Amino acid sequence: MNTPPPADRFRGFRLAGQSLPAPRLLPGLHIVATPIGNLGDITLRGLETLAGADLIACEDTRVTRRLLDRYGIETPLLAYHDHNAEHMRPRLLARLSEGGTVALVSDAGTPLVSDPGYKLVEAAIAGGFRVIPLPGASASLAALVAAGLPTDRFFFEGFLPPKSGARQTRIAELKTLPATLVIYESGPRLPESLADLAAGLGARPAAVCRELTKTFEEVRRGTLGALAAHYAEAGPPKGEIVLVIGPPLAEEASPDDVDAALRQALATLSVKDAAIAVATATGLPRRAIYARALALQGQE
């Protein structure tokens, strides 16, 4: 990889009808977050880096090319993914050893989250090269802030095992984590995964976040049981999905915790069923929870 980029390549990008030059970048590996759907979500710094880099390493050149074409960026692309990573990683490290600038992107969102990029970062650090993160879009964080569930402590699980037995085992391991859970799931597997989650975690509030930032964005909220019932009847949804599940509600749950859980449950359940679900999750007396549910419903 001793061939320099073409001298006539435009090192810049188009924005709002103007051609803007890219700044000179520090040599090293730049980790660039890209949009998860809406191409307008790329940051200005991200555009500058993609335009100014010697090379962009990406999962799928066709996907990244759409982003570059949108902003008139001419930087060469090199595919780097699970199937060729062992072969391509030395080539990227060689470019870094020459003082080059490599931008690493995934198909969507922040690299290294459910993709092979961490091995390249690990190797770059071991080689003494600079690693420069550029924050931006993230499907997990977008879902977390849209779900309406506690955000002070959360655990990113990624994808659950595809087979039910292994999935149920993993769900049992997650049950006692005192944090909101963020899980990636495919549309075809969502109904059965929700059924296993409802059986394993109980009546926790949750949200299915689908096609975030895209035209058909949808956030469906309710208890795990209610969501499982909905998708069992409606069938698997299409698109990219992030599932957010509230933390376990202990017996010492505060009144605010109980109210939040009740509001989530009342969005999809009757007062009686919402009270049963929350009482089961918290271990608090059902009569008291039912009375509070009635009061909350009267306030709406």
Protein backbone atom coordinates (compact mmCIF):
# COMPACT_ATOMS: atom_id res chain seq x y z
CA MET A 1 0.00 0.00 0.00
CA ASN A 2 2.66 2.47 -0.97
CA THR A 3 0.53 4.13 -3.64
CA PRO A 4 -0.53 7.62 -2.52
CA PRO A 5 -4.06 8.87 -3.19
CA PRO A 6 -4.62 10.43 -6.65
CA ALA A 7 -3.22 13.94 -6.75
CA ASP A 8 -6.35 15.26 -8.50
CA ARG A 9 -8.76 13.92 -5.89
CA PHE A 10 -10.82 16.71 -4.36
CA ARG A 11 -10.12 16.67 -0.61
CA GLY A 12 -13.34 18.27 0.48
CA PHE A 13 -17.11 17.89 0.57
CA ARG A 14 -20.31 19.62 -0.50
CA LEU A 15 -22.65 21.09 2.06
CA ALA A 16 -25.65 23.37 1.42
CA GLY A 17 -24.54 23.87 -2.16
CA GLN A 18 -21.00 24.90 -1.26
CA SER A 19 -17.73 23.03 -1.81
CA LEU A 20 -15.71 23.06 1.39
CA PRO A 21 -12.06 21.96 1.70
CA ALA A 22 -11.12 19.30 4.24
CA PRO A 23 -8.61 20.28 6.92
CA ARG A 24 -5.28 18.50 7.24
CA LEU A 25 -5.77 15.55 9.56
CA LEU A 26 -3.49 14.07 12.17
CA PRO A 27 -2.00 10.75 11.03
CA GLY A 28 -3.67 7.77 12.62
CA LEU A 29 -6.87 5.74 12.76
CA HIS A 30 -10.00 7.92 12.92
CA ILE A 31 -13.13 6.14 14.21
CA VAL A 32 -16.05 7.92 12.50
CA ALA A 33 -19.69 7.45 13.49
CA THR A 34 -22.05 7.50 10.50
CA PRO A 35 -25.86 7.90 10.27
CA ILE A 36 -28.09 4.98 11.26
CA GLY A 37 -30.65 5.94 8.63
CA ASN A 38 -31.04 9.65 8.01
CA LEU A 39 -27.97 10.80 6.07
CA GLY A 40 -28.39 14.28 7.54
CA ASP A 41 -27.18 12.96 10.90
CA ILE A 42 -23.51 12.93 9.91
CA THR A 43 -21.50 15.50 11.88
CA LEU A 44 -19.50 18.31 10.31
CA ARG A 45 -16.31 16.88 11.80
CA GLY A 46 -17.24 13.49 10.38
CA LEU A 47 -17.52 14.97 6.89
CA GLU A 48 -14.18 16.75 7.25
CA THR A 49 -12.51 13.50 8.31
CA LEU A 50 -14.06 11.34 5.60
CA ALA A 51 -13.05 13.90 2.98
CA GLY A 52 -9.53 14.42 4.31
CA ALA A 53 -8.55 10.81 4.99
CA ASP A 54 -6.24 8.90 2.66
CA LEU A 55 -8.53 5.87 2.87
CA ILE A 56 -11.88 4.83 4.34
CA ALA A 57 -12.20 1.29 5.71
CA CYS A 58 -15.88 0.26 5.67
CA GLU A 59 -18.05 -2.83 6.04
CA ASP A 60 -19.82 -2.53 2.67
CA THR A 61 -18.49 -0.16 0.04
CA ARG A 62 -21.95 0.17 -1.54
CA VAL A 63 -23.49 1.40 1.71
CA THR A 64 -20.72 3.89 2.47
CA ARG A 65 -20.64 5.08 -1.15
CA ARG A 66 -24.21 6.37 -0.79
CA LEU A 67 -23.11 8.58 2.10
CA LEU A 68 -20.04 9.84 0.24
CA ASP A 69 -22.03 10.57 -2.92
CA ARG A 70 -24.53 12.59 -0.90
CA TYR A 71 -21.74 14.95 0.19
CA GLY A 72 -19.46 14.80 -2.86
CA ILE A 73 -16.60 12.99 -1.10
CA GLU A 74 -14.07 11.20 -3.32
CA THR A 75 -11.93 9.35 -0.76
CA PRO A 76 -11.04 5.77 -1.81
CA LEU A 77 -12.89 2.95 -0.05
CA LEU A 78 -11.56 -0.38 1.19
CA ALA A 79 -13.87 -3.15 2.42
CA TYR A 80 -13.08 -4.30 5.96
CA HIS A 81 -15.51 -6.77 7.54
CA ASP A 82 -15.75 -10.08 9.42
CA HIS A 83 -14.90 -12.20 6.39
CA ASN A 84 -11.75 -10.38 5.26
CA ALA A 85 -10.53 -8.68 8.43
CA GLU A 86 -7.54 -10.98 9.00
CA HIS A 87 -6.33 -10.32 5.46
CA MET A 88 -7.08 -6.58 5.29
CA ARG A 89 -5.89 -5.55 8.76
CA PRO A 90 -2.16 -5.74 7.87
CA ARG A 91 -2.78 -3.53 4.82
CA LEU A 92 -4.47 -0.88 6.95
CA LEU A 93 -1.71 -1.03 9.55
CA ALA A 94 0.86 -0.65 6.77
CA ARG A 95 -0.84 2.57 5.65
CA LEU A 96 -0.71 3.85 9.24
CA SER A 97 3.00 2.96 9.47
CA GLU A 98 3.59 5.18 6.42
CA GLY A 99 2.11 8.15 8.29
CA GLY A 100 -1.24 7.84 6.55
CA THR A 101 -4.72 8.70 7.73
CA VAL A 102 -7.33 5.92 7.79
CA ALA A 103 -10.99 6.52 8.62
CA LEU A 104 -12.90 3.51 9.97
CA VAL A 105 -16.70 3.42 9.56
CA SER A 106 -19.42 0.80 9.92
CA ASP A 107 -22.49 0.51 7.73
CA ALA A 108 -24.45 2.54 10.27
CA GLY A 109 -23.78 4.09 13.66
CA THR A 110 -20.66 4.04 15.78
CA PRO A 111 -17.92 1.57 14.74
CA LEU A 112 -16.85 -1.25 17.10
CA VAL A 113 -20.45 -1.72 18.37
CA SER A 114 -21.40 -5.16 17.01
CA ASP A 115 -18.76 -5.09 14.26
CA PRO A 116 -15.10 -6.28 13.92
CA GLY A 117 -13.52 -2.85 14.27
CA TYR A 118 -12.20 -3.37 17.79
CA LYS A 119 -9.51 -5.75 16.53
CA LEU A 120 -8.19 -3.05 14.21
CA VAL A 121 -8.18 -0.52 17.06
CA GLU A 122 -6.41 -3.04 19.30
CA ALA A 123 -3.75 -3.63 16.65
CA ALA A 124 -3.34 0.10 15.99
CA ILE A 125 -2.76 0.79 19.68
CA ALA A 126 -0.29 -2.08 19.90
CA GLY A 127 1.55 -0.59 16.92
CA GLY A 128 1.86 2.79 18.60
CA PHE A 129 -0.52 4.57 16.20
CA ARG A 130 -2.89 7.34 17.24
CA VAL A 131 -6.58 6.36 17.56
CA ILE A 132 -8.97 9.30 17.24
CA PRO A 133 -12.71 8.84 18.04
CA LEU A 134 -15.39 10.96 16.37
CA PRO A 135 -18.70 10.61 18.22
CA GLY A 136 -22.03 10.64 16.45
CA ALA A 137 -25.03 8.47 15.65
CA SER A 138 -25.66 5.30 17.66
CA ALA A 139 -28.75 3.09 17.38
CA SER A 140 -28.43 1.90 20.99
CA LEU A 141 -28.27 5.43 22.44
CA ALA A 142 -31.04 6.71 20.15
CA ALA A 143 -33.32 3.92 21.36
CA LEU A 144 -32.34 4.45 24.99
CA VAL A 145 -33.34 8.11 24.99
CA ALA A 146 -36.59 7.45 23.10
CA ALA A 147 -37.79 4.53 25.22
CA GLY A 148 -38.80 6.53 28.29
CA LEU A 149 -37.01 4.15 30.64
CA PRO A 150 -34.28 4.83 33.24
CA THR A 151 -31.03 5.98 31.62
CA ASP A 152 -28.79 6.47 34.66
CA ARG A 153 -27.48 2.91 34.35
CA PHE A 154 -27.80 0.69 31.28
CA PHE A 155 -26.27 -2.50 29.90
CA PHE A 156 -25.70 -3.06 26.19
CA GLU A 157 -26.25 -6.75 25.42
CA GLY A 158 -26.08 -6.65 21.63
CA PHE A 159 -27.77 -9.65 20.01
CA LEU A 160 -29.21 -12.46 22.11
CA PRO A 161 -28.45 -16.05 21.01
CA PRO A 162 -30.62 -17.07 18.03
CA LYS A 163 -31.68 -20.45 19.48
CA SER A 164 -34.34 -20.44 22.18
CA GLY A 165 -32.52 -22.64 24.70
CA ALA A 166 -29.35 -20.56 24.67
CA ARG A 167 -31.40 -17.38 24.62
CA GLN A 168 -33.35 -18.39 27.72
CA THR A 169 -30.11 -19.22 29.52
CA ARG A 170 -28.68 -15.80 28.69
CA ILE A 171 -31.90 -14.05 29.76
CA ALA A 172 -31.68 -15.78 33.14
CA GLU A 173 -28.13 -14.39 33.51
CA LEU A 174 -29.36 -10.88 32.71
CA LYS A 175 -32.32 -11.02 35.10
CA THR A 176 -30.60 -9.62 38.18
CA LEU A 177 -28.65 -6.83 36.47
CA PRO A 178 -29.78 -3.57 38.14
CA ALA A 179 -29.84 -1.66 34.86
CA THR A 180 -31.90 -0.94 31.78
CA LEU A 181 -31.12 -3.51 29.07
CA VAL A 182 -30.43 -2.53 25.45
CA ILE A 183 -30.71 -5.42 22.99
CA TYR A 184 -30.41 -5.63 19.21
CA GLU A 185 -32.79 -8.01 17.46
CA SER A 186 -33.83 -8.95 13.94
CA GLY A 187 -37.44 -8.64 12.81
CA PRO A 188 -37.97 -12.36 12.15
CA ARG A 189 -36.75 -13.31 15.65
CA LEU A 190 -38.49 -10.52 17.58
CA PRO A 191 -41.78 -12.32 18.50
CA GLU A 192 -40.06 -15.39 19.96
CA SER A 193 -37.40 -13.31 21.69
CA LEU A 194 -40.07 -11.16 23.34
CA ALA A 195 -41.89 -14.28 24.49
CA ASP A 196 -38.71 -15.63 26.08
CA LEU A 197 -37.93 -12.24 27.65
CA ALA A 198 -41.44 -11.94 29.11
CA ALA A 199 -41.17 -15.45 30.57
CA GLY A 200 -37.69 -14.84 31.95
CA LEU A 201 -37.88 -11.24 33.17
CA GLY A 202 -41.55 -10.84 34.12
CA ALA A 203 -43.74 -7.81 33.53
CA ARG A 204 -41.04 -5.22 33.02
CA PRO A 205 -41.76 -2.08 30.99
CA ALA A 206 -40.06 -2.13 27.60
CA ALA A 207 -39.94 -0.44 24.21
CA VAL A 208 -39.45 -1.83 20.72
CA CYS A 209 -37.65 0.85 18.69
CA ARG A 210 -37.81 0.23 14.95
CA GLU A 211 -36.28 2.05 11.97
CA LEU A 212 -34.95 4.90 14.10
CA THR A 213 -34.31 8.16 12.18
CA LYS A 214 -35.90 6.67 9.05
CA THR A 215 -39.23 7.42 7.35
CA PHE A 216 -41.14 4.68 9.16
CA GLU A 217 -39.63 5.20 12.61
CA GLU A 218 -41.71 3.59 15.35
CA VAL A 219 -41.40 3.23 19.12
CA ARG A 220 -43.92 0.83 20.66
CA ARG A 221 -44.00 0.81 24.47
CA GLY A 222 -45.59 -1.55 26.97
CA THR A 223 -44.78 -4.45 29.26
CA LEU A 224 -42.79 -7.34 27.84
CA GLY A 225 -45.89 -9.50 27.97
CA ALA A 226 -48.02 -6.97 26.12
CA LEU A 227 -45.36 -6.47 23.46
CA ALA A 228 -44.93 -10.22 23.06
CA ALA A 229 -48.69 -10.61 22.60
CA HIS A 230 -48.79 -7.80 20.03
CA TYR A 231 -46.04 -9.21 17.83
CA ALA A 232 -47.32 -12.76 18.20
CA GLU A 233 -50.53 -11.53 16.57
CA ALA A 234 -49.12 -8.92 14.19
CA GLY A 235 -46.17 -11.01 13.08
CA PRO A 236 -42.50 -10.09 12.69
CA PRO A 237 -41.90 -6.42 11.84
CA LYS A 238 -39.54 -5.17 9.15
CA GLY A 239 -36.48 -3.02 9.64
CA GLU A 240 -33.70 -2.51 12.17
CA ILE A 241 -34.81 -3.06 15.78
CA VAL A 242 -33.48 -2.07 19.20
CA LEU A 243 -35.26 -3.44 22.26
CA VAL A 244 -34.99 -1.48 25.52
CA ILE A 245 -36.10 -3.14 28.77
CA GLY A 246 -36.47 -1.47 32.13
CA PRO A 247 -34.45 -2.63 35.16
CA PRO A 248 -35.92 -4.97 37.79
CA LEU A 249 -38.11 -3.20 40.30
CA ALA A 250 -37.07 -4.31 43.78
CA GLU A 251 -39.30 -4.33 46.84
CA GLU A 252 -37.76 -1.08 47.96
CA ALA A 253 -38.85 0.60 44.70
CA SER A 254 -39.52 4.28 45.26
CA PRO A 255 -42.95 5.83 44.59
CA ASP A 256 -41.50 7.46 41.48
CA ASP A 257 -40.31 4.05 40.23
CA VAL A 258 -43.77 2.58 40.80
CA ASP A 259 -45.48 5.50 39.03
CA ALA A 260 -43.15 5.21 36.05
CA ALA A 261 -43.81 1.48 35.77
CA LEU A 262 -47.55 2.00 36.07
CA ARG A 263 -47.60 4.68 33.39
CA GLN A 264 -45.75 2.36 31.03
CA ALA A 265 -48.15 -0.50 31.78
CA LEU A 266 -51.28 1.67 31.54
CA ALA A 267 -50.31 2.70 28.02
CA THR A 268 -51.23 -0.79 26.79
CA LEU A 269 -53.07 -2.57 29.63
CA SER A 270 -56.25 -2.14 31.66
CA VAL A 271 -55.95 -0.74 35.17
CA LYS A 272 -56.38 -4.21 36.64
CA ASP A 273 -53.81 -5.87 34.40
CA ALA A 274 -51.35 -2.99 34.83
CA ALA A 275 -51.64 -3.25 38.61
CA ILE A 276 -51.06 -7.02 38.49
CA ALA A 277 -48.02 -6.61 36.26
CA VAL A 278 -46.37 -3.94 38.41
CA ALA A 279 -47.25 -5.66 41.69
CA THR A 280 -45.66 -8.86 40.37
CA ALA A 281 -42.52 -7.02 39.29
CA THR A 282 -42.10 -5.06 42.52
CA GLY A 283 -43.38 -7.49 45.11
CA LEU A 284 -45.58 -4.71 46.54
CA PRO A 285 -49.19 -5.31 47.66
CA ARG A 286 -51.53 -5.58 44.69
CA ARG A 287 -54.29 -3.61 46.42
CA ALA A 288 -52.01 -0.60 46.98
CA ILE A 289 -50.69 -0.73 43.41
CA TYR A 290 -54.24 -0.95 42.04
CA ALA A 291 -55.26 2.12 44.04
CA ARG A 292 -52.27 4.05 42.74
CA ALA A 293 -53.08 2.98 39.16
CA LEU A 294 -56.61 4.33 39.55
CA ALA A 295 -55.23 7.61 40.86
CA LEU A 296 -52.80 7.95 37.95
CA GLN A 297 -55.50 7.18 35.43
CA GLY A 298 -57.64 9.90 36.95
CA GLN A 299 -54.82 12.42 36.59
CA GLU A 300 -54.37 11.80 32.85
